[in-house]
Protein backbone atom coordinates (compact mmCIF):
# COMPACT_ATOMS: atom_id res chain seq x y z
CA MET A 1 0.00 0.00 0.00
CA PHE A 2 2.89 2.34 0.77
CA MET A 3 4.38 1.73 -2.68
CA LEU A 4 1.13 2.79 -4.33
CA ALA A 5 0.94 5.85 -2.09
CA ASN A 6 4.51 6.78 -3.02
CA LEU A 7 3.73 6.24 -6.70
CA LEU A 8 0.69 8.53 -6.49
CA GLU A 9 2.70 11.17 -4.65
CA ALA A 10 5.49 11.01 -7.23
CA LEU A 11 2.98 11.24 -10.09
CA SER A 12 1.31 14.23 -8.49
CA GLN A 13 4.64 16.03 -8.10
CA ILE A 14 5.75 15.27 -11.66
CA LEU A 15 2.38 16.39 -13.01
CA ASN A 16 2.61 19.60 -11.01
CA VAL A 17 6.08 20.40 -12.38
CA VAL A 18 5.09 19.59 -15.98
CA LEU A 19 1.97 21.77 -15.71
CA HIS A 20 3.99 24.60 -14.17
CA ILE A 21 6.60 24.48 -16.95
CA TYR A 22 3.90 24.33 -19.63
CA MET A 23 2.15 27.33 -18.09
CA TRP A 24 5.37 29.35 -18.38
CA ILE A 25 5.82 28.18 -21.97
CA ILE A 26 2.30 29.43 -22.75
CA ILE A 27 3.09 32.78 -21.11
CA ILE A 28 6.34 33.13 -23.07
CA ARG A 29 4.50 32.24 -26.30
CA ALA A 30 1.86 34.91 -25.59
CA LEU A 31 4.53 37.52 -24.87
CA LEU A 32 6.39 36.62 -28.06
CA SER A 33 3.25 37.26 -30.09
CA TRP A 34 3.49 40.93 -29.10
CA VAL A 35 6.98 41.42 -30.60
CA ASN A 36 6.67 39.53 -33.90
CA PRO A 37 9.66 37.17 -33.49
CA ASP A 38 11.62 35.54 -36.29
CA PRO A 39 9.53 32.46 -37.25
CA TYR A 40 12.70 30.60 -38.30
CA ASN A 41 14.34 30.93 -34.90
CA PRO A 42 14.60 27.38 -33.45
CA ILE A 43 13.39 28.48 -30.00
CA VAL A 44 10.37 30.25 -31.47
CA ARG A 45 9.58 27.22 -33.63
CA PHE A 46 9.86 24.91 -30.62
CA LEU A 47 7.53 27.11 -28.55
CA TYR A 48 4.96 27.20 -31.35
CA GLN A 49 5.21 23.44 -31.96
CA ILE A 50 4.48 22.52 -28.35
CA THR A 51 1.79 25.15 -27.73
CA GLU A 52 -0.11 25.45 -30.99
CA PRO A 53 -1.92 22.08 -30.82
CA VAL A 54 -3.42 22.99 -27.43
CA LEU A 55 -4.08 26.64 -28.25
CA TYR A 56 -5.68 25.69 -31.57
CA GLN A 57 -8.11 23.30 -29.86
CA VAL A 58 -9.17 26.07 -27.47
CA ARG A 59 -9.27 28.73 -30.20
CA LYS A 60 -11.59 26.76 -32.45
CA ARG A 61 -14.12 26.40 -29.60
CA LEU A 62 -14.19 30.11 -28.75
CA PRO A 63 -16.34 32.64 -30.59
CA HIS A 64 -14.51 35.04 -32.90
CA MET A 65 -13.49 38.08 -30.86
CA GLY A 66 -12.29 40.45 -33.54
CA GLY A 67 -8.65 39.39 -33.54
CA LEU A 68 -8.33 39.11 -29.77
CA ASP A 69 -6.86 35.71 -28.86
CA ILE A 70 -7.72 34.73 -25.30
CA SER A 71 -6.80 31.06 -25.77
CA PRO A 72 -3.57 31.40 -23.70
CA ILE A 73 -5.62 32.75 -20.78
CA ILE A 74 -8.08 29.87 -21.04
CA VAL A 75 -5.23 27.33 -21.14
CA ILE A 76 -3.60 28.94 -18.09
CA PHE A 77 -6.91 28.72 -16.20
CA VAL A 78 -7.20 25.03 -17.13
CA ILE A 79 -3.63 24.44 -15.93
CA ILE A 80 -4.38 26.18 -12.63
CA PHE A 81 -7.52 24.08 -12.25
CA LEU A 82 -5.57 20.88 -12.91
CA GLN A 83 -2.89 21.89 -10.42
CA THR A 84 -5.46 22.78 -7.78
CA PHE A 85 -7.81 19.84 -8.30
CA LEU A 86 -6.00 16.90 -9.90
CA VAL A 87 -2.55 17.30 -8.36
CA ARG A 88 -3.97 18.02 -4.92
CA THR A 89 -6.40 15.09 -5.18
CA LEU A 90 -3.59 12.67 -6.07
CA SER A 91 -1.45 13.99 -3.24
CA ASP A 92 -4.32 13.79 -0.72
CA LEU A 93 -5.13 10.27 -1.86
CA ALA A 94 -1.50 9.25 -1.33
CA PHE A 95 -1.54 10.80 2.13
CA LYS A 96 -4.74 8.97 3.09
CA MET A 97 -3.29 5.68 1.83
CA ARG A 98 -0.23 6.18 4.04
CA MET A 99 -2.40 6.92 7.06
CA GLY A 100 -4.45 3.79 6.48
CA GLY A 101 -7.69 5.61 5.73
């Protein structure tokens, strides 16, 4: 039982770190859109490759807002929700398993 609790705790921590890093990548991508970066820059291409699939899925579900793209904000809210709900739930479940309840 302790091994499963440790596994859940480790998964919750890894998920939290991955979500935190992805949130910062989304923020950097949004900031880059304000300065019109070189699209051939490898860092810019990497940022677009790992964010565009998620942002596109959100963008296509939102109504057209006259050129205003709020998809990064929506994705950040989803990340915060996942960190608050999913990560905390996994961590609490691991704690309860350790305590025998």
